[in-house]
C-alpha cells in the first residue's frame, strides 16, 4: 500500500500498540518489537498532485497507550458520551468508518474526507471499542457532526473555521472540536466562539499548529505567532500535546499558556474509510482527546453549562504545566465554587421562636390547681374538727368543760 506523505511532524515509525497503563507523568516503556505494528502516517494536508488518503491495511490489535493513559475503561463505567453530539470542524469525516457506524452526520459535503485528519480526530473522540482492536475513542457512544473547516486538500482559513464553528453549533453540537490553529482571523473567530458560548456549546481547539510552516524566504521553520485562533478566543478550551514518555518532541512548537495537555504524540486512530489505523502526532490530536473527555462530562452531567464543563476538566486535571486531562477525575470530582469554597447545602430553615403566652397560661393553670389542692387538703382537716366542736371556738369548749 502506498504510504501517505505526511505534513505532520515526522511520525512514521514502529509504534508500540500496547503500553503499560501508568500515571500521566510516568515514563511508559513499550513492549517487545514482536508486539508492535507499523502504521502509515496521518497527513494533515495534501499537495495538489497527491491522491486522497485511502484505507489503512494495518490494524492495531492491542490497547493503545492513550486509551490506558486516559483510563478510559474506568471512565466508561460512569459515562460513554451517550446523548452528546460533537461537532468536528476539520477536513471532513468519512461516513463508512466501521468504528463510527451510524453515528456520523455531515453538513454539506463534509461526509467525504480526502485528507483523513478529520476522520482520525473523530475516531479519537468517539470510535467504538471492538473485539480484537485496541483503538477506541474517549466517548464511544457520542455522535459526530462533520463540518468542513478546510478546503478538500486540508488547507484552512479563518473564515472557513468560523463558519464551521457556527454551523456545528446551529446543527446541535454541544461540544465543538476545531482541528486547526491559524495565526489570524481574531475578529471573526472570536465572534464565532461567542456564538457558541451563547448557545452553551464548548469549543475545544489546539493551542498551536501541529507543525510550524517553513519561511518561504529562508526555508527555515517560521517563528511561532504571538497567538493562534480560535484557541486564543475567550471561552475556548485550548490544548497542547504530550507523548508516551510525558514529553513533547523537540521539533514541536514550544509554546506556553494552554489550558490543558493531553495525549497527542504517537497516537493511533481510524482512517477516512475501512477498519485499519493510522498514526499521528500534534496538538490537534490532543484536542480531539479532550473533546471526547468533554463529551463524557456532558453525558454524565447534562445540567452543567459549557463553562462549568471546561472548569471541571481543568480543575480536576492531573497537576502539571499545563494540567493533564484526567477524564475519570472530571467525571467524579466535586469541585469548590467560584470563590474557592466547597459548595454548601441550602441553609436550614429554623422555625420561629414559640410564643410565651401558652407557657404563662399553663403556669397560671398549674398554680391555680395547686392552690385548690392545698385548700381541699386544709378543708379535710378543718371541717371534721369544726364539726366535733359544733363550730365553737376552741377556747369556749375548754371553758365549758371547766364549769362542769
Protein backbone atom coordinates (compact mmCIF):
# COMPACT_ATOMS: atom_id res chain seq x y z
CA UNK A 1 0.00 0.00 0.00
CA UNK A 2 1.28 3.46 -0.81
CA UNK A 3 2.24 5.40 2.29
CA UNK A 4 0.54 8.76 2.62
CA UNK A 5 3.07 11.57 2.63
CA UNK A 6 2.79 13.35 5.95
CA UNK A 7 2.73 17.07 6.52
CA UNK A 8 2.67 16.38 10.25
CA UNK A 9 5.74 16.26 12.41
CA UNK A 10 7.65 13.06 11.48
CA UNK A 11 5.69 10.15 12.89
CA UNK A 12 6.45 7.28 10.51
CA UNK A 13 7.83 4.83 12.99
CA UNK A 14 7.27 1.43 14.51
CA UNK A 15 4.51 2.05 17.03
CA UNK A 16 4.08 0.19 20.28
CA UNK A 17 0.46 -0.83 20.10
CA UNK A 18 0.27 -1.85 23.75
CA UNK A 19 1.84 0.24 26.50
CA UNK A 20 1.62 -0.25 30.23
CA UNK A 21 -1.02 1.84 31.97
CA UNK A 22 0.56 4.47 34.20
CA UNK A 23 0.01 7.85 35.74
CA UNK A 24 0.13 10.71 33.22
CA UNK A 25 3.60 11.86 34.24
CA UNK A 26 5.16 8.43 34.42
CA UNK A 27 7.51 7.24 31.70
CA UNK A 28 5.93 4.38 29.82
CA UNK A 29 8.03 1.63 28.25
CA UNK A 30 6.94 -0.02 25.00
CA UNK A 31 6.76 -3.80 24.83
CA UNK A 32 8.91 -6.03 22.72
CA UNK A 33 9.07 -5.40 18.98
CA UNK A 34 7.01 -8.52 18.35
CA UNK A 35 4.02 -6.75 19.89
CA UNK A 36 4.40 -3.69 17.67
CA UNK A 37 2.87 -2.85 14.32
CA UNK A 38 4.00 -0.43 11.64
CA UNK A 39 1.23 2.00 10.78
CA UNK A 40 1.06 4.57 7.99
CA UNK A 41 1.48 8.22 8.97
CA UNK A 42 -1.51 10.53 9.10
CA UNK A 43 -1.28 13.55 6.77
CA UNK A 44 -2.65 16.92 7.83
CA UNK A 45 -2.83 18.28 4.30
CA UNK A 46 -2.26 17.05 0.76
CA UNK A 47 -0.39 18.58 -2.13
CA UNK A 48 -2.43 19.28 -5.27
CA UNK A 49 -0.98 16.25 -7.06
CA UNK A 50 -1.36 13.78 -4.20
CA UNK A 51 -4.16 11.19 -4.20
CA UNK A 52 -6.66 11.10 -1.37
CA UNK A 53 -5.76 9.11 1.72
CA UNK A 54 -7.13 5.60 1.48
CA UNK A 55 -7.97 2.90 3.96
CA UNK A 56 -5.09 1.55 6.02
CA UNK A 57 -4.28 -2.14 5.70
CA UNK A 58 -2.78 -2.27 9.19
CA UNK A 59 -4.72 -2.69 12.42
CA UNK A 60 -3.61 -2.04 15.99
CA UNK A 61 -4.75 -5.11 17.92
CA UNK A 62 -3.56 -4.24 21.41
CA UNK A 63 -4.78 -1.34 23.55
CA UNK A 64 -3.07 1.89 22.63
CA UNK A 65 -1.10 3.87 25.19
CA UNK A 66 -3.57 6.76 25.00
CA UNK A 67 -6.51 4.52 25.90
CA UNK A 68 -4.73 3.37 29.03
CA UNK A 69 -3.16 6.74 29.93
CA UNK A 70 -6.64 8.31 29.88
CA UNK A 71 -8.02 5.41 31.96
CA UNK A 72 -10.96 5.10 29.59
CA UNK A 73 -12.24 1.72 30.74
CA UNK A 74 -12.81 3.14 34.22
CA UNK A 75 -14.46 6.27 32.84
CA UNK A 76 -16.84 4.21 30.71
CA UNK A 77 -18.30 2.70 33.88
CA UNK A 78 -19.76 6.16 34.52
CA UNK A 79 -20.38 7.67 31.07
CA UNK A 80 -19.82 6.88 27.40
CA UNK A 81 -20.90 10.08 25.66
CA UNK A 82 -24.46 8.93 25.01
CA UNK A 83 -26.76 11.84 24.19
CA UNK A 84 -23.93 14.22 23.21
CA UNK A 85 -23.15 15.47 19.71
CA UNK A 86 -19.58 16.58 18.99
CA UNK A 87 -19.00 18.87 16.03
CA UNK A 88 -15.78 18.07 14.15
CA UNK A 89 -14.65 21.17 12.24
CA UNK A 90 -11.86 19.79 10.10
CA UNK A 91 -11.25 18.07 6.76
CA UNK A 92 -14.50 16.10 6.93
CA UNK A 93 -15.34 12.70 8.42
CA UNK A 94 -15.88 9.53 6.41
CA UNK A 95 -19.37 8.14 6.85
CA UNK A 96 -18.41 4.50 6.21
CA UNK A 97 -15.91 4.03 9.05
CA UNK A 98 -16.96 0.86 10.93
CA UNK A 99 -15.93 2.21 14.36
CA UNK A 100 -18.27 5.20 13.85
CA UNK A 101 -21.06 3.35 12.05
CA UNK A 102 -24.45 5.03 12.33
CA UNK A 103 -23.16 7.94 14.40
CA UNK A 104 -21.81 10.36 11.77
CA UNK A 105 -23.94 13.12 10.31
CA UNK A 106 -22.41 15.53 7.82
CA UNK A 107 -23.22 19.09 6.80
CA UNK A 108 -22.99 19.66 3.05
CA UNK A 109 -20.03 17.72 1.62
CA UNK A 110 -18.24 17.07 4.92
CA UNK A 111 -19.16 13.38 4.72
CA UNK A 112 -16.12 12.83 2.50
CA UNK A 113 -12.58 13.20 3.80
CA UNK A 114 -9.82 13.22 1.22
CA UNK A 115 -7.09 14.04 3.76
CA UNK A 116 -8.13 11.79 6.65
CA UNK A 117 -7.34 14.18 9.51
CA UNK A 118 -10.96 14.87 10.47
CA UNK A 119 -11.78 11.16 10.43
CA UNK A 120 -8.74 10.40 12.59
CA UNK A 121 -9.82 13.07 15.11
CA UNK A 122 -13.41 11.77 15.10
CA UNK A 123 -12.05 8.32 15.94
CA UNK A 124 -10.13 9.69 18.92
CA UNK A 125 -13.35 11.32 20.07
CA UNK A 126 -15.90 8.57 19.51
CA UNK A 127 -14.62 5.34 17.94
CA UNK A 128 -16.41 2.35 19.47
CA UNK A 129 -14.26 -0.39 21.01
CA UNK A 130 -14.31 -3.64 19.07
CA UNK A 131 -13.19 -7.13 19.97
CA UNK A 132 -9.59 -7.70 18.91
CA UNK A 133 -8.99 -3.98 18.22
CA UNK A 134 -7.04 -1.76 20.60
CA UNK A 135 -8.27 1.59 19.30
CA UNK A 136 -11.24 3.34 20.91
CA UNK A 137 -12.40 6.91 21.31
CA UNK A 138 -12.83 8.70 24.63
CA UNK A 139 -16.65 8.86 24.26
CA UNK A 140 -17.61 5.79 22.20
CA UNK A 141 -21.36 6.46 22.24
CA UNK A 142 -21.20 10.13 21.21
CA UNK A 143 -22.49 11.27 17.84
CA UNK A 144 -20.30 13.11 15.34
CA UNK A 145 -21.43 16.11 13.30
CA UNK A 146 -18.92 16.57 10.47
CA UNK A 147 -18.37 20.14 9.31
CA UNK A 148 -15.79 21.23 6.80
CA UNK A 149 -13.30 23.79 8.16
CA UNK A 150 -10.69 23.48 5.41
CA UNK A 151 -10.62 23.05 1.67
CA UNK A 152 -10.63 19.50 0.33
CA UNK A 153 -6.84 19.32 0.47
CA UNK A 154 -6.73 20.30 4.16
CA UNK A 155 -5.78 23.98 3.91
CA UNK A 156 -7.71 26.04 6.49
CA UNK A 157 -8.76 29.67 6.52
CA UNK A 158 -10.11 31.70 9.42
CA UNK A 159 -13.34 32.27 7.50
CA UNK A 160 -13.94 28.55 6.92
CA UNK A 161 -13.17 27.71 10.55
CA UNK A 162 -15.53 30.43 11.82
CA UNK A 163 -18.30 29.26 9.50
CA UNK A 164 -17.68 25.70 10.62
CA UNK A 165 -18.00 26.57 14.31
CA UNK A 166 -21.29 28.35 13.69
CA UNK A 167 -22.64 25.52 11.55
CA UNK A 168 -21.71 22.91 14.17
CA UNK A 169 -23.44 24.83 16.95
CA UNK A 170 -26.52 25.51 14.85
CA UNK A 171 -26.55 21.82 13.95
CA UNK A 172 -26.93 20.82 17.60
CA UNK A 173 -23.35 20.14 18.73
CA UNK A 174 -22.73 20.89 22.42
CA UNK A 175 -19.00 20.19 22.10
CA UNK A 176 -17.20 21.63 19.06
CA UNK A 177 -13.77 20.32 18.13
CA UNK A 178 -11.71 22.55 15.83
CA UNK A 179 -8.84 20.71 14.16
CA UNK A 180 -6.77 23.72 13.10
CA UNK A 181 -4.93 26.69 14.61
CA UNK A 182 -4.37 29.76 12.43
CA UNK A 183 -2.34 32.90 13.21
CA UNK A 184 -5.02 35.34 12.04
CA UNK A 185 -8.75 35.85 11.99
CA UNK A 186 -9.12 37.14 15.54
CA UNK A 187 -12.33 39.07 14.97
CA UNK A 188 -14.33 36.50 13.03
CA UNK A 189 -13.18 33.53 15.09
CA UNK A 190 -13.83 35.35 18.36
CA UNK A 191 -17.33 36.17 17.11
CA UNK A 192 -17.89 32.53 16.14
CA UNK A 193 -16.83 31.39 19.61
CA UNK A 194 -19.18 33.95 21.17
CA UNK A 195 -21.95 32.44 19.07
CA UNK A 196 -21.10 29.04 20.52
CA UNK A 197 -20.92 30.37 24.07
CA UNK A 198 -24.36 31.97 23.83
CA UNK A 199 -25.77 28.59 22.82
CA UNK A 200 -23.94 26.75 25.61
CA UNK A 201 -21.52 24.87 23.34
CA UNK A 202 -17.92 24.26 24.43
CA UNK A 203 -15.24 24.89 21.79
CA UNK A 204 -12.05 22.79 22.07
CA UNK A 205 -9.08 23.70 19.88
CA UNK A 206 -5.31 23.10 19.57
CA UNK A 207 -3.22 25.74 21.28
CA UNK A 208 -0.80 25.88 18.34
CA UNK A 209 -0.35 24.24 14.92
CA UNK A 210 0.92 20.69 14.82
CA UNK A 211 3.97 21.94 12.94
CA UNK A 212 5.18 25.43 12.12
CA UNK A 213 5.41 26.30 8.42
CA UNK A 214 8.62 26.99 6.57
CA UNK A 215 9.64 30.56 5.87
CA UNK A 216 9.43 30.93 2.05
CA UNK A 217 12.43 33.26 2.02
CA UNK A 218 14.87 31.29 4.14
CA UNK A 219 13.44 27.79 4.10
CA UNK A 220 13.77 27.67 7.86
CA UNK A 221 10.97 26.98 10.28
CA UNK A 222 8.98 30.14 10.95
CA UNK A 223 8.79 31.59 14.43
CA UNK A 224 5.61 30.95 16.40
CA UNK A 225 2.93 33.62 16.14
CA UNK A 226 2.03 35.60 19.29
CA UNK A 227 -1.33 33.79 19.36
CA UNK A 228 -3.32 31.25 17.38
CA UNK A 229 -7.03 31.21 16.75
CA UNK A 230 -9.60 30.10 17.73
CA UNK A 231 -7.60 28.85 20.75
CA UNK A 232 -6.87 32.40 21.93
CA UNK A 233 -10.53 33.44 21.93
CA UNK A 234 -12.23 33.78 25.34
CA UNK A 235 -14.15 30.66 26.30
CA UNK A 236 -12.14 28.21 24.18
CA UNK A 237 -10.54 25.22 25.90
CA UNK A 238 -7.05 25.22 24.37
CA UNK A 239 -4.96 22.05 24.35
CA UNK A 240 -1.35 21.04 23.78
CA UNK A 241 0.09 17.57 23.33
CA UNK A 242 2.46 15.15 25.05
CA UNK A 243 3.77 11.73 24.15
CA UNK A 244 4.13 8.29 25.77
CA UNK A 245 7.11 9.43 27.86
CA UNK A 246 5.29 12.51 29.13
CA UNK A 247 7.26 14.99 27.00
CA UNK A 248 6.82 16.81 23.70
CA UNK A 249 9.03 16.25 20.66
CA UNK A 250 11.91 18.70 20.31
CA UNK A 251 10.67 19.85 16.91
CA UNK A 252 7.18 20.64 18.25
CA UNK A 253 6.18 24.29 18.62
CA UNK A 254 7.33 25.16 22.15
CA UNK A 255 4.59 27.43 23.40
CA UNK A 256 3.14 28.18 26.82
CA UNK A 257 -0.30 29.10 28.03
CA UNK A 258 -2.56 26.19 27.04
CA UNK A 259 -5.44 25.31 29.35
CA UNK A 260 -4.83 21.56 29.21
CA UNK A 261 -2.46 18.92 27.88
CA UNK A 262 -3.50 15.52 26.55
CA UNK A 263 -2.02 12.54 24.71
CA UNK A 264 -1.28 13.72 21.19
CA UNK A 265 2.03 12.24 20.07
CA UNK A 266 2.27 8.76 18.56
CA UNK A 267 -1.47 8.33 18.86
CA UNK A 268 -3.45 5.83 16.81
CA UNK A 269 -6.90 6.16 15.28
CA UNK A 270 -9.02 5.35 12.25
CA UNK A 271 -8.59 6.43 8.66
CA UNK A 272 -11.20 8.03 6.37
CA UNK A 273 -12.57 4.60 5.46
CA UNK A 274 -12.18 0.97 6.38
CA UNK A 275 -11.23 -0.57 9.70
CA UNK A 276 -7.46 -0.01 9.52
CA UNK A 277 -5.48 2.53 11.53
CA UNK A 278 -3.05 5.41 11.14
CA UNK A 279 -0.57 7.05 13.49
CA UNK A 280 -0.31 10.80 14.05
CA UNK A 281 1.08 13.49 16.31
CA UNK A 282 0.21 17.04 17.23
CA UNK A 283 -1.81 19.36 19.41
CA UNK A 284 -4.79 18.96 17.11
CA UNK A 285 -4.99 15.29 18.11
CA UNK A 286 -4.58 16.10 21.80
CA UNK A 287 -7.52 18.48 21.42
CA UNK A 288 -9.59 15.62 19.98
CA UNK A 289 -8.94 13.55 23.13
CA UNK A 290 -10.06 16.49 25.28
CA UNK A 291 -13.18 16.96 23.15
CA UNK A 292 -14.00 13.32 23.85
CA UNK A 293 -13.46 13.87 27.58
CA UNK A 294 -15.78 16.89 27.42
CA UNK A 295 -18.44 14.69 25.80
CA UNK A 296 -18.13 12.25 28.70
CA UNK A 297 -18.67 15.04 31.25
CA UNK A 298 -21.65 16.46 29.35
CA UNK A 299 -23.11 12.97 29.13
CA UNK A 300 -22.82 12.34 32.88
CA UNK A 301 -23.71 15.89 33.97
CA UNK A 302 -26.18 17.19 31.37
CA UNK A 303 -27.14 20.18 33.54
CA UNK A 304 -23.61 21.56 33.57
CA UNK A 305 -23.04 24.59 31.36
CA UNK A 306 -20.24 24.65 28.81
CA UNK A 307 -18.20 26.91 31.11
CA UNK A 308 -18.73 24.50 34.01
CA UNK A 309 -17.62 21.54 31.89
CA UNK A 310 -14.46 23.40 30.90
CA UNK A 311 -13.73 24.26 34.52
CA UNK A 312 -14.42 20.68 35.59
CA UNK A 313 -11.88 19.35 33.11
CA UNK A 314 -9.18 21.86 34.04
CA UNK A 315 -9.61 21.85 37.81
CA UNK A 316 -9.82 18.05 38.09
CA UNK A 317 -6.83 17.51 35.79
CA UNK A 318 -3.52 15.96 36.85
CA UNK A 319 -1.29 18.71 38.30
CA UNK A 320 1.28 19.79 35.72
CA UNK A 321 2.05 22.78 33.48
CA UNK A 322 -0.34 22.77 31.76
CA UNK A 323 -2.63 20.39 33.69
CA UNK A 324 -3.08 16.97 32.07
CA UNK A 325 -6.62 15.91 31.38
CA UNK A 326 -8.00 13.15 33.60
CA UNK A 327 -11.45 12.11 32.35
CA UNK A 328 -12.30 9.90 35.33
CA UNK A 329 -11.43 12.64 37.82
CA UNK A 330 -13.52 15.11 35.82
CA UNK A 331 -16.48 12.73 35.98
CA UNK A 332 -16.27 12.19 39.73
CA UNK A 333 -14.77 15.32 41.29
CA UNK A 334 -16.91 17.62 43.43
CA UNK A 335 -15.30 20.98 42.86
CA UNK A 336 -15.35 24.10 45.04
CA UNK A 337 -17.45 27.03 43.98
CA UNK A 338 -16.03 30.04 42.17
CA UNK A 339 -14.94 31.66 45.47
CA UNK A 340 -12.82 28.65 46.37
CA UNK A 341 -15.07 27.07 48.97
CA UNK A 342 -16.91 23.81 48.75
CA UNK A 343 -20.47 24.35 47.63
CA UNK A 344 -22.70 24.47 50.71
CA UNK A 345 -26.13 22.92 51.07
CA UNK A 346 -29.07 25.32 51.35
CA UNK A 347 -29.40 26.90 54.80
CA UNK A 348 -31.55 25.06 57.31
CA UNK A 349 -34.97 26.57 57.98
CA UNK A 350 -35.24 27.38 61.68
CA UNK A 351 -38.84 27.59 62.93
CA UNK A 352 -39.86 30.89 64.60
CA UNK A 353 -39.49 31.13 68.36
CA UNK A 354 -42.54 29.75 70.15
CA UNK A 355 -44.88 32.28 71.78
CA UNK A 356 -44.57 32.62 75.60
CA UNK A 357 -48.34 33.07 76.06
CA UNK A 358 -49.18 29.33 76.20
CA UNK A 359 -46.44 28.86 78.79
CA UNK A 360 -47.80 31.66 81.01
CA UNK A 361 -51.29 30.28 80.64
CA UNK A 362 -50.09 26.84 81.65
CA UNK A 363 -48.27 28.21 84.67
CA UNK A 364 -51.38 30.08 85.82
CA UNK A 365 -53.50 26.95 85.44
CA UNK A 366 -50.94 24.88 87.31
CA UNK A 367 -50.70 27.49 90.08
CA UNK A 368 -54.46 27.66 90.45
CA UNK A 369 -54.67 23.90 90.54
CA UNK A 370 -52.02 23.73 93.25
CA UNK A 371 -53.84 26.28 95.37
CA UNK A 372 -57.05 24.33 95.04
CA UNK A 373 -55.32 21.16 96.18
CA UNK A 374 -53.95 22.95 99.26
CA UNK A 375 -57.38 24.35 100.10
CA UNK A 376 -59.01 20.94 99.75
CA UNK A 377 -56.35 19.35 101.95
CA UNK A 378 -56.82 22.02 104.59
CA UNK A 379 -60.57 21.59 104.46
CA UNK A 380 -60.17 17.86 105.02
CA UNK A 381 -58.54 18.65 108.36
CA UNK A 382 -60.51 21.67 109.49
CA UNK A 383 -64.07 20.57 108.72
CA UNK A 384 -64.10 17.37 110.87
CA UNK A 385 -62.64 19.22 113.82
CA UNK A 386 -65.09 22.03 113.39
CA UNK A 387 -67.98 19.63 113.40
CA UNK A 388 -66.67 17.93 116.53
CA UNK A 389 -66.70 21.28 118.37
CA UNK A 390 -70.03 22.18 116.79
CA UNK A 391 -68.18 25.06 115.22
CA UNK A 392 -67.43 26.66 118.61
CA UNK A 393 -64.10 28.42 119.06
CA UNK A 394 -61.57 26.26 120.83
CA UNK A 395 -61.45 28.48 123.96
CA UNK A 396 -65.14 28.26 124.59
CA UNK A 397 -65.06 24.46 124.53
CA UNK A 398 -62.35 24.44 127.25
CA UNK A 399 -64.29 26.92 129.48
CA UNK A 400 -67.46 24.79 129.27
CA UNK A 401 -65.55 21.73 130.32
CA UNK A 402 -64.10 23.54 133.39
CA UNK A 403 -67.50 24.78 134.53
CA UNK A 404 -68.96 21.34 134.55
